[in-house]
Amino acid sequence: MTSNLSSAGALAPHPVRTEIATLWRLSWPMLVGQLATVGMGVADVAMTGHVSAEELAAVSLGTSVWSIILVTVMGIMMAVNSVVSHEMGAARFDRISHSVREALWMGLGVGVAGCLAANLCTLVFDHIGLDQAVADRASSFLHIISLGMPAFACYRALYGYTTSINQTKPIMIIALCGLLYNIGMNWLFIFGEFGLPKLGALGCAVSTASGMWLMLGAMVVWIRLSSAYRQTYPFAHWEGPNWKEIGSMLRLGLPIGVTHFAEVSAFGIISLLVARFGVIEVSAHQIALNFVSLVFMVPLSFGIGALTRVGQAMGEGNPVRARFVAWVGTGMCIAFGLMSAIGIALFRWQIAAMYTSDAAVQATCVMLLLFAALFQLSDSTQVAAASAIRGYKVTRSPMVIQMIAFWGVALPVGWILGLAPDWFPWSPGKPMAATGFWIGLVLGLTVAAVLLAWSLNQLSKLRIRDHA
């Protein structure tokens, strides 16, 4: 009998391994979906570059503005993940369907606001010294692509719903189909195939905007047809907006949106400041930034998974399990950060060579990739800890910490080291250019990682004490 019990104990899965496996099953389809979404922007730039430099400039300029608004809207809509995961954990299935309907109303409003913001941003193009033809083309790009924003916001509402009830494969499949659609429509409209008008940069806008509406439609159809949504089906009947509940979700989502805006805008400002140092510096900076943005999709996906798992545990009224899954998720991100840091450091020359054959750009890029390797650990830690904290329905403290990290540390330090202003007493002897800004990023992300990890530890302990 003792031998049998020992064997059974030996075969019992370790809770950490079990949680890692669960989080991986939840997160990997989201990772593929995130990469497919990023791939749409890559396809736009790569395909337009084969038309003309002017068309490429218009897409690049329009996309830089569009990306900031898109990521901000994405952050606001992450409130749905927190709300639905709590209700899922508490088995309040009728509340889930109601919350999703209200989230769709919120998505419609946020999407329309994002559409208006994109159109208002076109006014800036006439005042930053651009060639008028490029400014007009970039404005037209934004006017067209902004029509997809309401669909995108509503899609993110359904995204939050389906991931929070542990159905993530639809996200992957729809995103991959969206990428294929985007590439195909780009080919038709950018180059004017089969007698269609040759729209150039505007062809990207048409394909992306229409693709967002099709992805929303595909998600609605999937939810209607799949048996996995029967218990929480949100389209059983129509109901109008409940402003109190929408306001509650906005109070959760707006700090996340502000956080995402602060991060993306900080990187955008750094790109603009680096541009003054010439083609080599700005090219190396963009290559390094593009690569680390792709790598960041992994801890981001794990983070969204951790948010879901923490929210479900808190919905069950089990803060002990919530703390456990929060730290397992954070540990997975830290482990990935360590592996990616080693990989980037070892293969930085090969990474640079994949992007460019210019020896000067490669040399500068390799230096920046060393700093990218340095901040992998802190970047993975901060996104995991912030996501886990949001699983507790706490969003303001991560916002404050990340605002301090990016706008209070990374940008000022980067400004001082990168530009070496004469008026600052501790400026370096000469500007460090892109290297100085990347040192600022390393310090800023380290501050964010330390403070967010500390906050997660304190918050998770507090919830356990409150529940006792």
Protein backbone atom coordinates (compact mmCIF):
# COMPACT_ATOMS: atom_id res chain seq x y z
CA MET A 1 0.00 0.00 0.00
CA THR A 2 2.81 2.42 0.91
CA SER A 3 4.52 1.68 -2.38
CA ASN A 4 1.31 2.42 -4.29
CA LEU A 5 0.83 5.71 -2.46
CA SER A 6 4.42 6.69 -3.16
CA SER A 7 3.98 5.89 -6.82
CA ALA A 8 0.80 7.93 -6.98
CA GLY A 9 2.55 10.84 -5.30
CA ALA A 10 5.43 10.59 -7.72
CA LEU A 11 3.03 10.66 -10.66
CA ALA A 12 1.02 13.62 -9.36
CA PRO A 13 1.88 16.72 -11.38
CA HIS A 14 3.67 19.53 -9.58
CA PRO A 15 1.38 22.59 -9.23
CA VAL A 16 3.98 24.89 -10.83
CA ARG A 17 4.33 22.61 -13.86
CA THR A 18 0.55 22.34 -14.10
CA GLU A 19 0.14 26.12 -14.03
CA ILE A 20 2.90 26.63 -16.59
CA ALA A 21 1.21 24.14 -18.92
CA THR A 22 -2.18 25.83 -18.43
CA LEU A 23 -0.77 29.30 -19.03
CA TRP A 24 1.09 28.09 -22.13
CA ARG A 25 -2.08 26.54 -23.61
CA LEU A 26 -3.89 29.81 -22.97
CA SER A 27 -1.14 32.10 -24.26
CA TRP A 28 0.44 30.54 -27.34
CA PRO A 29 -2.55 31.14 -29.65
CA MET A 30 -2.56 34.77 -28.49
CA LEU A 31 1.15 34.98 -29.30
CA VAL A 32 0.56 33.76 -32.86
CA GLY A 33 -2.33 36.21 -33.17
CA GLN A 34 -0.21 39.11 -31.89
CA LEU A 35 2.57 38.29 -34.35
CA ALA A 36 0.06 38.09 -37.20
CA THR A 37 -1.30 41.51 -36.23
CA VAL A 38 2.21 42.99 -36.17
CA GLY A 39 2.80 41.30 -39.53
CA MET A 40 0.04 43.41 -41.10
CA GLY A 41 1.98 46.59 -40.41
CA VAL A 42 5.20 45.00 -41.66
CA ALA A 43 3.44 43.95 -44.88
CA ASP A 44 2.09 47.48 -45.40
CA VAL A 45 5.54 49.07 -45.17
CA ALA A 46 7.37 46.34 -47.10
CA MET A 47 4.90 46.26 -50.00
CA THR A 48 4.53 50.02 -50.32
CA GLY A 49 8.30 50.38 -50.43
CA HIS A 50 8.20 48.76 -53.87
CA VAL A 51 6.03 51.58 -55.27
CA SER A 52 8.01 54.75 -54.50
CA ALA A 53 9.83 56.56 -51.72
CA GLU A 54 6.97 59.08 -51.45
CA GLU A 55 4.36 56.34 -50.97
CA LEU A 56 6.56 54.62 -48.39
CA ALA A 57 7.03 57.92 -46.52
CA ALA A 58 3.26 58.48 -46.47
CA VAL A 59 2.59 54.99 -45.08
CA SER A 60 5.40 55.28 -42.51
CA LEU A 61 4.18 58.66 -41.32
CA GLY A 62 0.52 57.63 -41.22
CA THR A 63 1.33 54.34 -39.50
CA SER A 64 3.37 56.09 -36.80
CA VAL A 65 0.30 58.11 -35.78
CA TRP A 66 -2.13 55.24 -36.33
CA SER A 67 -0.09 52.86 -34.16
CA ILE A 68 -0.20 55.20 -31.17
CA ILE A 69 -4.00 55.49 -31.36
CA LEU A 70 -4.43 51.77 -32.04
CA VAL A 71 -2.33 50.71 -29.04
CA THR A 72 -4.12 53.22 -26.79
CA VAL A 73 -7.53 51.86 -27.81
CA MET A 74 -6.23 48.32 -27.30
CA GLY A 75 -5.21 49.25 -23.76
CA ILE A 76 -8.58 50.79 -22.91
CA MET A 77 -10.40 47.68 -24.14
CA MET A 78 -8.25 45.43 -21.91
CA ALA A 79 -10.69 46.31 -19.14
CA VAL A 80 -12.95 43.64 -20.66
CA ASN A 81 -10.35 40.97 -19.81
CA SER A 82 -10.39 41.96 -16.13
CA VAL A 83 -14.18 42.13 -15.85
CA VAL A 84 -15.01 38.91 -17.71
CA SER A 85 -12.24 36.82 -16.11
CA HIS A 86 -13.58 37.74 -12.63
CA GLU A 87 -17.10 36.75 -13.65
CA MET A 88 -15.81 33.54 -15.22
CA GLY A 89 -14.04 32.60 -12.01
CA ALA A 90 -17.22 33.27 -10.02
CA ALA A 91 -19.29 31.22 -12.51
CA ARG A 92 -21.61 34.21 -13.10
CA PHE A 93 -22.28 33.18 -16.68
CA ASP A 94 -25.35 35.37 -17.10
CA ARG A 95 -23.29 38.37 -16.01
CA ILE A 96 -20.64 37.54 -18.61
CA SER A 97 -23.10 37.83 -21.50
CA HIS A 98 -24.43 41.11 -20.10
CA SER A 99 -20.93 42.53 -19.58
CA VAL A 100 -19.92 41.62 -23.15
CA ARG A 101 -22.92 43.48 -24.55
CA GLU A 102 -21.96 46.55 -22.52
CA ALA A 103 -18.34 46.14 -23.61
CA LEU A 104 -19.46 46.26 -27.24
CA TRP A 105 -21.22 49.57 -26.57
CA MET A 106 -18.05 50.84 -24.93
CA GLY A 107 -16.01 49.58 -27.88
CA LEU A 108 -18.23 51.43 -30.31
CA GLY A 109 -17.79 54.69 -28.39
CA VAL A 110 -14.04 54.26 -27.92
CA GLY A 111 -13.67 53.29 -31.58
CA VAL A 112 -15.49 56.38 -32.80
CA ALA A 113 -13.33 58.53 -30.51
CA GLY A 114 -10.21 56.86 -31.90
CA CYS A 115 -11.44 57.48 -35.45
CA LEU A 116 -11.94 61.19 -34.71
CA ALA A 117 -8.52 61.42 -33.02
CA ALA A 118 -6.80 59.91 -36.07
CA ASN A 119 -8.48 62.43 -38.35
CA LEU A 120 -7.58 65.36 -36.09
CA CYS A 121 -3.93 64.27 -36.07
CA THR A 122 -3.75 64.94 -39.81
CA LEU A 123 -3.78 68.67 -39.00
CA VAL A 124 -0.26 68.28 -37.57
CA PHE A 125 1.17 67.19 -40.93
CA ASP A 126 0.84 70.70 -42.36
CA HIS A 127 3.03 72.19 -39.61
CA ILE A 128 6.08 69.92 -39.34
CA GLY A 129 7.89 70.84 -42.54
CA LEU A 130 6.84 67.88 -44.67
CA ASP A 131 6.73 67.88 -48.44
CA GLN A 132 3.14 68.83 -49.20
CA ALA A 133 2.53 65.83 -51.45
CA VAL A 134 3.66 63.43 -48.71
CA ALA A 135 1.60 65.30 -46.07
CA ASP A 136 -1.52 65.09 -48.25
CA ARG A 137 -0.94 61.40 -48.93
CA ALA A 138 -0.38 60.60 -45.24
CA SER A 139 -3.55 62.54 -44.35
CA SER A 140 -5.60 60.57 -46.87
CA PHE A 141 -4.10 57.36 -45.49
CA LEU A 142 -5.32 58.24 -41.99
CA HIS A 143 -8.74 59.37 -43.19
CA ILE A 144 -9.33 55.98 -44.80
CA ILE A 145 -7.72 53.65 -42.25
CA SER A 146 -9.52 55.39 -39.36
CA LEU A 147 -12.82 53.98 -40.66
CA GLY A 148 -11.70 50.61 -39.30
CA MET A 149 -11.21 51.83 -35.73
CA PRO A 150 -14.79 51.21 -34.46
CA ALA A 151 -14.57 47.64 -35.76
CA PHE A 152 -11.17 47.18 -34.12
CA ALA A 153 -12.42 48.40 -30.72
CA CYS A 154 -15.47 46.10 -30.84
CA TYR A 155 -13.24 43.23 -31.95
CA ARG A 156 -11.03 43.85 -28.90
CA ALA A 157 -14.15 43.66 -26.72
CA LEU A 158 -14.86 40.18 -28.11
CA TYR A 159 -11.13 39.41 -27.87
CA GLY A 160 -11.24 40.12 -24.13
CA TYR A 161 -14.38 38.01 -23.78
CA THR A 162 -13.10 34.94 -25.62
CA THR A 163 -9.65 34.94 -23.99
CA SER A 164 -11.19 35.32 -20.53
CA ILE A 165 -13.29 32.18 -20.96
CA ASN A 166 -10.15 30.29 -22.10
CA GLN A 167 -11.01 30.26 -25.81
CA THR A 168 -7.89 31.67 -27.48
CA LYS A 169 -7.57 29.63 -30.69
CA PRO A 170 -10.20 31.75 -32.50
CA ILE A 171 -7.91 34.76 -31.91
CA MET A 172 -5.03 32.99 -33.62
CA ILE A 173 -7.00 31.68 -36.60
CA ILE A 174 -8.81 34.96 -37.27
CA ALA A 175 -5.59 36.98 -36.97
CA LEU A 176 -3.77 34.68 -39.39
CA CYS A 177 -6.66 34.93 -41.86
CA GLY A 178 -6.59 38.70 -41.37
CA LEU A 179 -2.88 38.76 -42.23
CA LEU A 180 -3.45 36.76 -45.42
CA TYR A 181 -6.36 39.02 -46.36
CA ASN A 182 -4.22 42.10 -45.72
CA ILE A 183 -1.37 40.86 -47.92
CA GLY A 184 -3.75 39.84 -50.72
CA MET A 185 -5.70 43.10 -50.69
CA ASN A 186 -2.47 45.09 -50.50
CA TRP A 187 -1.26 43.36 -53.65
CA LEU A 188 -4.51 44.15 -55.44
CA PHE A 189 -4.89 47.77 -54.38
CA ILE A 190 -1.29 48.96 -53.94
CA PHE A 191 -0.20 47.78 -57.38
CA GLY A 192 -3.58 47.94 -59.15
CA GLU A 193 -3.82 44.30 -60.22
CA PHE A 194 -6.70 42.89 -62.34
CA GLY A 195 -7.71 46.32 -63.55
CA LEU A 196 -8.24 47.75 -60.05
CA PRO A 197 -7.01 51.31 -59.41
CA LYS A 198 -3.36 51.60 -58.36
CA LEU A 199 -3.78 53.26 -54.96
CA GLY A 200 -0.30 52.93 -53.49
CA ALA A 201 -0.30 53.99 -49.82
CA LEU A 202 -4.08 54.36 -49.86
CA GLY A 203 -4.36 50.70 -50.86
CA CYS A 204 -2.84 49.77 -47.48
CA ALA A 205 -5.44 51.87 -45.72
CA VAL A 206 -8.30 50.28 -47.66
CA SER A 207 -7.09 46.73 -46.97
CA THR A 208 -6.43 47.36 -43.25
CA ALA A 209 -9.73 49.16 -42.58
CA SER A 210 -11.82 46.58 -44.44
CA GLY A 211 -9.83 43.78 -42.80
CA MET A 212 -10.77 45.06 -39.34
CA TRP A 213 -14.47 44.90 -40.19
CA LEU A 214 -14.06 41.40 -41.60
CA MET A 215 -12.18 40.24 -38.48
CA LEU A 216 -15.00 41.57 -36.31
CA GLY A 217 -17.54 39.78 -38.49
CA ALA A 218 -15.52 36.56 -38.34
CA MET A 219 -15.39 36.72 -34.55
CA VAL A 220 -19.16 37.25 -34.33
CA VAL A 221 -19.79 34.28 -36.64
CA TRP A 222 -17.36 32.09 -34.66
CA ILE A 223 -19.11 32.92 -31.39
CA ARG A 224 -22.52 32.20 -32.94
CA LEU A 225 -21.47 28.79 -34.30
CA SER A 226 -19.14 27.39 -31.64
CA SER A 227 -20.63 25.36 -28.78
CA ALA A 228 -17.90 26.70 -26.46
CA TYR A 229 -19.87 29.97 -26.12
CA ARG A 230 -23.32 28.48 -25.42
CA GLN A 231 -23.19 29.08 -21.67
CA THR A 232 -22.11 32.71 -21.99
CA TYR A 233 -23.60 33.57 -25.39
CA PRO A 234 -23.78 37.39 -25.58
CA PHE A 235 -26.07 37.81 -28.62
CA ALA A 236 -29.20 36.15 -27.24
CA HIS A 237 -30.96 39.51 -27.07
CA TRP A 238 -30.36 43.21 -27.56
CA GLU A 239 -29.94 45.69 -24.73
CA GLY A 240 -29.06 49.37 -24.64
CA PRO A 241 -26.02 50.90 -22.99
CA ASN A 242 -25.80 50.90 -19.21
CA TRP A 243 -23.77 54.04 -18.59
CA LYS A 244 -22.89 53.13 -15.02
CA GLU A 245 -21.33 49.82 -16.05
CA ILE A 246 -19.64 51.32 -19.09
CA GLY A 247 -18.23 54.04 -16.83
CA SER A 248 -16.91 51.36 -14.46
CA MET A 249 -15.15 49.58 -17.33
CA LEU A 250 -13.73 52.86 -18.58
CA ARG A 251 -12.31 53.61 -15.14
CA LEU A 252 -10.47 50.29 -15.40
CA GLY A 253 -9.47 50.69 -19.04
CA LEU A 254 -8.45 54.33 -19.34
CA PRO A 255 -5.38 53.98 -17.07
CA ILE A 256 -4.23 51.02 -19.20
CA GLY A 257 -4.79 53.09 -22.34
CA VAL A 258 -2.81 55.98 -20.86
CA THR A 259 -0.02 53.57 -19.93
CA HIS A 260 0.14 52.18 -23.47
CA PHE A 261 0.06 55.70 -24.89
CA ALA A 262 2.92 56.78 -22.62
CA GLU A 263 5.08 53.83 -23.67
CA VAL A 264 4.41 54.07 -27.41
CA SER A 265 4.68 57.85 -27.50
CA ALA A 266 7.98 57.70 -25.57
CA PHE A 267 9.43 55.37 -28.19
CA GLY A 268 8.02 57.61 -30.92
CA ILE A 269 9.65 60.72 -29.41
CA ILE A 270 12.97 58.89 -29.12
CA SER A 271 12.74 57.94 -32.80
CA LEU A 272 12.16 61.59 -33.74
CA LEU A 273 15.07 62.80 -31.59
CA VAL A 274 17.42 60.16 -32.96
CA ALA A 275 16.54 61.21 -36.53
CA ARG A 276 18.68 64.37 -36.17
CA PHE A 277 21.84 62.26 -36.02
CA GLY A 278 21.55 61.03 -39.59
CA VAL A 279 20.61 57.98 -41.60
CA ILE A 280 22.97 55.51 -39.91
CA GLU A 281 21.79 56.25 -36.37
CA VAL A 282 18.09 56.33 -37.21
CA SER A 283 18.30 53.18 -39.34
CA ALA A 284 20.12 51.25 -36.62
CA HIS A 285 17.64 52.50 -34.03
CA GLN A 286 14.62 51.45 -36.12
CA ILE A 287 16.08 47.99 -36.79
CA ALA A 288 16.81 47.34 -33.11
CA LEU A 289 13.42 48.70 -32.10
CA ASN A 290 11.60 46.59 -34.67
CA PHE A 291 13.33 43.42 -33.50
CA VAL A 292 12.74 43.96 -29.77
CA SER A 293 9.09 44.82 -30.54
CA LEU A 294 8.66 41.40 -32.11
CA VAL A 295 10.38 39.69 -29.16
CA PHE A 296 8.14 41.65 -26.76
CA MET A 297 5.08 39.86 -28.15
CA VAL A 298 6.03 36.74 -26.15
CA PRO A 299 5.98 38.22 -22.61
CA LEU A 300 3.00 40.37 -23.62
CA SER A 301 1.02 37.24 -24.53
CA PHE A 302 2.05 35.51 -21.31
CA GLY A 303 1.04 38.67 -19.46
CA ILE A 304 -2.47 38.68 -20.95
CA GLY A 305 -2.73 35.01 -20.01
CA ALA A 306 -1.64 35.80 -16.45
CA LEU A 307 -4.21 38.62 -16.25
CA THR A 308 -6.91 36.11 -17.19
CA ARG A 309 -5.75 33.47 -14.71
CA VAL A 310 -5.44 35.97 -11.84
CA GLY A 311 -8.88 37.42 -12.61
CA GLN A 312 -10.46 33.97 -12.64
CA ALA A 313 -8.85 33.08 -9.31
CA MET A 314 -10.05 36.31 -7.73
CA GLY A 315 -13.53 35.71 -9.15
CA GLU A 316 -13.49 32.33 -7.38
CA GLY A 317 -12.67 34.15 -4.14
CA ASN A 318 -9.26 32.46 -3.94
CA PRO A 319 -6.56 35.14 -3.48
CA VAL A 320 -3.99 32.51 -2.48
CA ARG A 321 -4.28 30.86 -5.90
CA ALA A 322 -4.33 34.31 -7.52
CA ARG A 323 -0.95 35.11 -5.94
CA PHE A 324 0.40 31.74 -7.02
CA VAL A 325 -0.64 32.06 -10.67
CA ALA A 326 0.52 35.70 -10.76
CA TRP A 327 4.04 34.74 -9.75
CA VAL A 328 4.14 31.66 -11.99
CA GLY A 329 3.19 33.89 -14.92
CA THR A 330 5.77 36.47 -13.92
CA GLY A 331 8.37 33.72 -13.53
CA MET A 332 7.65 32.45 -17.05
CA CYS A 333 8.20 35.95 -18.42
CA ILE A 334 11.41 36.37 -16.44
CA ALA A 335 12.70 33.04 -17.75
CA PHE A 336 11.89 34.08 -21.30
CA GLY A 337 13.53 37.47 -20.71
CA LEU A 338 16.73 35.75 -19.59
CA MET A 339 16.74 33.45 -22.64
CA SER A 340 16.03 36.29 -25.07
CA ALA A 341 18.77 38.42 -23.47
CA ILE A 342 21.32 35.65 -24.01
CA GLY A 343 20.07 35.02 -27.55
CA ILE A 344 20.19 38.69 -28.58
CA ALA A 345 23.65 39.15 -27.06
CA LEU A 346 25.05 36.06 -28.80
CA PHE A 347 23.44 36.58 -32.20
CA ARG A 348 23.36 40.37 -32.44
CA TRP A 349 25.53 40.44 -35.57
CA GLN A 350 23.31 37.92 -37.33
CA ILE A 351 20.18 39.86 -36.31
CA ALA A 352 21.60 43.09 -37.73
CA ALA A 353 22.63 41.32 -40.94
CA MET A 354 19.06 40.07 -41.46
CA TYR A 355 17.89 43.67 -41.74
CA THR A 356 20.71 45.42 -43.59
CA SER A 357 23.95 44.82 -45.48
CA ASP A 358 25.30 48.31 -44.70
CA ALA A 359 28.40 47.81 -42.52
CA ALA A 360 28.05 51.14 -40.67
CA VAL A 361 24.39 50.54 -39.84
CA GLN A 362 25.20 46.99 -38.74
CA ALA A 363 27.92 48.18 -36.37
CA THR A 364 25.67 50.76 -34.71
CA CYS A 365 22.75 48.32 -34.57
CA VAL A 366 24.91 45.67 -32.86
CA MET A 367 25.74 48.17 -30.10
CA LEU A 368 22.05 49.00 -29.58
CA LEU A 369 21.15 45.30 -29.53
CA LEU A 370 23.50 44.88 -26.56
CA PHE A 371 21.38 47.39 -24.66
CA ALA A 372 18.27 45.58 -25.92
CA ALA A 373 19.68 42.38 -24.40
CA LEU A 374 20.23 44.22 -21.11
CA PHE A 375 16.62 45.34 -20.78
CA GLN A 376 15.00 42.03 -21.82
CA LEU A 377 14.80 40.86 -18.22
CA SER A 378 13.30 44.09 -16.91
CA ASP A 379 10.95 44.51 -19.89
CA SER A 380 9.57 40.98 -19.47
CA THR A 381 9.21 41.47 -15.72
CA GLN A 382 7.40 44.79 -15.94
CA VAL A 383 4.82 43.64 -18.51
CA ALA A 384 4.12 40.44 -16.55
CA ALA A 385 3.78 42.20 -13.18
CA ALA A 386 1.61 44.98 -14.64
CA SER A 387 -0.69 42.44 -16.32
CA ALA A 388 -1.03 40.37 -13.14
CA ILE A 389 -1.88 43.51 -11.14
CA ARG A 390 -4.62 44.33 -13.67
CA GLY A 391 -6.02 40.86 -13.02
CA TYR A 392 -6.86 42.17 -9.55
CA LYS A 393 -8.84 45.00 -11.22
CA VAL A 394 -6.13 47.48 -10.20
CA THR A 395 -5.00 49.65 -13.10
CA ARG A 396 -4.01 53.06 -11.73
CA SER A 397 -0.85 52.08 -9.88
CA PRO A 398 0.70 50.38 -12.95
CA MET A 399 -0.15 53.52 -14.91
CA VAL A 400 1.62 55.80 -12.42
CA ILE A 401 4.67 53.53 -12.21
CA GLN A 402 5.04 53.18 -15.98
CA MET A 403 4.52 56.92 -16.53
CA ILE A 404 7.34 57.56 -14.04
CA ALA A 405 9.53 54.93 -15.71
CA PHE A 406 9.09 56.18 -19.29
CA TRP A 407 8.49 59.91 -18.86
CA GLY A 408 10.31 60.46 -15.59
CA VAL A 409 13.39 58.28 -16.17
CA ALA A 410 13.83 56.87 -19.69
CA LEU A 411 13.11 60.04 -21.68
CA PRO A 412 14.98 62.56 -19.44
CA VAL A 413 18.04 60.30 -19.10
CA GLY A 414 17.97 59.56 -22.82
CA TRP A 415 17.66 63.27 -23.59
CA ILE A 416 20.66 64.15 -21.41
CA LEU A 417 22.90 61.34 -22.64
CA GLY A 418 21.73 61.32 -26.25
CA LEU A 419 21.69 65.08 -26.89
CA ALA A 420 24.20 66.29 -24.23
CA PRO A 421 22.55 69.72 -23.73
CA ASP A 422 25.04 72.43 -22.68
CA TRP A 423 22.77 73.77 -19.95
CA PHE A 424 22.75 70.50 -17.97
CA PRO A 425 25.76 70.28 -15.63
CA TRP A 426 26.22 66.50 -15.84
CA SER A 427 25.85 66.06 -19.59
CA PRO A 428 28.48 63.91 -21.36
CA GLY A 429 31.20 65.70 -23.33
CA LYS A 430 29.49 64.95 -26.63
CA PRO A 431 26.07 63.55 -27.58
CA MET A 432 25.83 59.76 -27.35
CA ALA A 433 23.05 59.76 -29.98
CA ALA A 434 20.94 56.57 -30.12
CA THR A 435 23.16 54.84 -27.54
CA GLY A 436 22.27 57.46 -24.92
CA PHE A 437 18.55 57.00 -25.50
CA TRP A 438 18.86 53.22 -25.19
CA ILE A 439 20.72 53.60 -21.89
CA GLY A 440 17.73 55.67 -20.76
CA LEU A 441 15.40 52.85 -21.81
CA VAL A 442 17.43 50.32 -19.82
CA LEU A 443 17.21 52.46 -16.67
CA GLY A 444 13.52 53.29 -17.16
CA LEU A 445 12.48 49.68 -17.70
CA THR A 446 14.53 48.59 -14.69
CA VAL A 447 12.70 51.11 -12.50
CA ALA A 448 9.36 49.87 -13.86
CA ALA A 449 10.25 46.21 -13.25
CA VAL A 450 11.36 46.76 -9.64
CA LEU A 451 8.39 48.93 -8.67
CA LEU A 452 5.78 46.77 -10.41
CA ALA A 453 7.16 43.54 -8.94
CA TRP A 454 7.11 45.14 -5.49
CA SER A 455 3.55 46.37 -6.06
CA LEU A 456 2.39 42.92 -7.18
CA ASN A 457 3.91 41.35 -4.07
CA GLN A 458 2.26 43.87 -1.73
CA LEU A 459 -1.12 43.74 -3.51
CA SER A 460 -1.29 39.95 -3.58
CA LYS A 461 -0.44 39.76 0.14
CA LEU A 462 -3.03 42.44 0.94
CA ARG A 463 -5.79 40.54 -0.90
CA ILE A 464 -4.97 37.40 1.08
CA ARG A 465 -5.13 39.29 4.39
CA ASP A 466 -8.40 40.95 3.40
CA HIS A 467 -9.91 37.55 2.55
CA ALA A 468 -8.77 35.89 5.79
